[in-house]
Amino acid sequence: MRMRQSLAQFEEEFHEQAAEEMERRERLRRQAVKRSRVRRAEKVEKHGKLRFIGLVMAILATSVLVTFVMFETLARLIGG
């Protein structure tokens, strides 16, 4: 009788530990997924900022170049 009781207790404890371990693994998996999403969002935001800065620099460079060429051409037309 005592052997059966201790075996039943052992089984019950085993099932409880298995359930706890499954919950722990699931919690760790959810945390990893959340961290991955956060890292991805940060990466996308960083690349977006760099692209925006590149676009602004290209527009500014184009504006300066066009202005310089326009005044140079105007000076040659008037002076020549």
C-alpha atoms as a PDB file:
ATOM      1  CA  MET A   1       0.000   0.000   0.000  1.00  0.00           C
ATOM      2  CA  ARG A   2       2.777   2.425   0.955  1.00  0.00           C
ATOM      3  CA  MET A   3       4.649   1.604  -2.254  1.00  0.00           C
ATOM      4  CA  ARG A   4       1.595   2.418  -4.380  1.00  0.00           C
ATOM      5  CA  GLN A   5       1.057   5.678  -2.534  1.00  0.00           C
ATOM      6  CA  SER A   6       4.651   6.776  -2.993  1.00  0.00           C
ATOM      7  CA  LEU A   7       4.532   5.736  -6.674  1.00  0.00           C
ATOM      8  CA  ALA A   8       1.322   7.738  -7.120  1.00  0.00           C
ATOM      9  CA  GLN A   9       2.934  10.724  -5.416  1.00  0.00           C
ATOM     10  CA  PHE A  10       5.997  10.349  -7.606  1.00  0.00           C
ATOM     11  CA  GLU A  11       3.822  10.263 -10.738  1.00  0.00           C
ATOM     12  CA  GLU A  12       1.820  13.272  -9.590  1.00  0.00           C
ATOM     13  CA  GLU A  13       4.979  15.264  -8.874  1.00  0.00           C
ATOM     14  CA  PHE A  14       6.401  14.217 -12.234  1.00  0.00           C
ATOM     15  CA  HIS A  15       3.279  15.469 -14.034  1.00  0.00           C
ATOM     16  CA  GLU A  16       3.359  18.744 -12.095  1.00  0.00           C
ATOM     17  CA  GLN A  17       7.022  19.277 -12.939  1.00  0.00           C
ATOM     18  CA  ALA A  18       6.379  18.440 -16.582  1.00  0.00           C
ATOM     19  CA  ALA A  19       3.512  20.953 -16.706  1.00  0.00           C
ATOM     20  CA  GLU A  20       5.666  23.617 -15.042  1.00  0.00           C
ATOM     21  CA  GLU A  21       8.487  22.930 -17.483  1.00  0.00           C
ATOM     22  CA  MET A  22       6.126  23.247 -20.442  1.00  0.00           C
ATOM     23  CA  GLU A  23       4.831  26.559 -19.106  1.00  0.00           C
ATOM     24  CA  ARG A  24       8.399  27.751 -18.570  1.00  0.00           C
ATOM     25  CA  ARG A  25       9.432  26.786 -22.108  1.00  0.00           C
ATOM     26  CA  GLU A  26       6.383  28.510 -23.562  1.00  0.00           C
ATOM     27  CA  ARG A  27       7.091  31.656 -21.530  1.00  0.00           C
ATOM     28  CA  LEU A  28      10.728  31.663 -22.688  1.00  0.00           C
ATOM     29  CA  ARG A  29       9.624  31.161 -26.294  1.00  0.00           C
ATOM     30  CA  ARG A  30       7.194  34.106 -26.062  1.00  0.00           C
ATOM     31  CA  GLN A  31       9.923  36.281 -24.548  1.00  0.00           C
ATOM     32  CA  ALA A  32      12.313  35.348 -27.356  1.00  0.00           C
ATOM     33  CA  VAL A  33       9.674  36.167 -29.973  1.00  0.00           C
ATOM     34  CA  LYS A  34       9.007  39.520 -28.288  1.00  0.00           C
ATOM     35  CA  ARG A  35      12.736  40.364 -28.175  1.00  0.00           C
ATOM     36  CA  SER A  36      13.046  39.421 -31.830  1.00  0.00           C
ATOM     37  CA  ARG A  37      10.155  41.721 -32.788  1.00  0.00           C
ATOM     38  CA  VAL A  38      11.652  44.599 -30.808  1.00  0.00           C
ATOM     39  CA  ARG A  39      15.082  44.126 -32.429  1.00  0.00           C
ATOM     40  CA  ARG A  40      13.501  43.972 -35.884  1.00  0.00           C
ATOM     41  CA  ALA A  41      11.495  47.160 -35.258  1.00  0.00           C
ATOM     42  CA  GLU A  42      14.621  48.968 -34.036  1.00  0.00           C
ATOM     43  CA  LYS A  43      16.555  47.806 -37.087  1.00  0.00           C
ATOM     44  CA  VAL A  44      13.822  48.972 -39.477  1.00  0.00           C
ATOM     45  CA  GLU A  45      13.628  52.352 -37.719  1.00  0.00           C
ATOM     46  CA  LYS A  46      17.415  52.802 -37.865  1.00  0.00           C
ATOM     47  CA  HIS A  47      17.529  51.970 -41.580  1.00  0.00           C
ATOM     48  CA  GLY A  48      14.588  54.294 -42.206  1.00  0.00           C
ATOM     49  CA  LYS A  49      16.405  57.174 -40.525  1.00  0.00           C
ATOM     50  CA  LEU A  50      19.553  56.516 -42.557  1.00  0.00           C
ATOM     51  CA  ARG A  51      17.578  56.398 -45.796  1.00  0.00           C
ATOM     52  CA  PHE A  52      15.828  59.661 -44.927  1.00  0.00           C
ATOM     53  CA  ILE A  53      19.133  61.385 -44.172  1.00  0.00           C
ATOM     54  CA  GLY A  54      20.531  60.068 -47.469  1.00  0.00           C
ATOM     55  CA  LEU A  55      17.504  61.380 -49.346  1.00  0.00           C
ATOM     56  CA  VAL A  56      17.790  64.828 -47.745  1.00  0.00           C
ATOM     57  CA  MET A  57      21.509  64.977 -48.562  1.00  0.00           C
ATOM     58  CA  ALA A  58      20.860  63.971 -52.182  1.00  0.00           C
ATOM     59  CA  ILE A  59      18.168  66.650 -52.557  1.00  0.00           C
ATOM     60  CA  LEU A  60      20.441  69.300 -51.044  1.00  0.00           C
ATOM     61  CA  ALA A  61      23.372  68.305 -53.243  1.00  0.00           C
ATOM     62  CA  THR A  62      21.155  68.359 -56.329  1.00  0.00           C
ATOM     63  CA  SER A  63      19.801  71.805 -55.404  1.00  0.00           C
ATOM     64  CA  VAL A  64      23.299  73.216 -54.904  1.00  0.00           C
ATOM     65  CA  LEU A  65      24.561  71.688 -58.161  1.00  0.00           C
ATOM     66  CA  VAL A  66      21.590  72.924 -60.206  1.00  0.00           C
ATOM     67  CA  THR A  67      21.880  76.428 -58.704  1.00  0.00           C
ATOM     68  CA  PHE A  68      25.616  76.573 -59.448  1.00  0.00           C
ATOM     69  CA  VAL A  69      25.192  75.344 -63.033  1.00  0.00           C
ATOM     70  CA  MET A  70      22.271  77.746 -63.601  1.00  0.00           C
ATOM     71  CA  PHE A  71      24.234  80.809 -62.433  1.00  0.00           C
ATOM     72  CA  GLU A  72      27.346  79.688 -64.322  1.00  0.00           C
ATOM     73  CA  THR A  73      25.315  79.340 -67.507  1.00  0.00           C
ATOM     74  CA  LEU A  74      23.623  82.695 -66.917  1.00  0.00           C
ATOM     75  CA  ALA A  75      26.985  84.381 -66.348  1.00  0.00           C
ATOM     76  CA  ARG A  76      28.365  82.949 -69.615  1.00  0.00           C
ATOM     77  CA  LEU A  77      25.285  84.038 -71.551  1.00  0.00           C
ATOM     78  CA  ILE A  78      25.328  87.571 -70.201  1.00  0.00           C
ATOM     79  CA  GLY A  79      29.132  87.948 -70.228  1.00  0.00           C
ATOM     80  CA  GLY A  80      29.718  86.350 -73.595  1.00  0.00           C
END
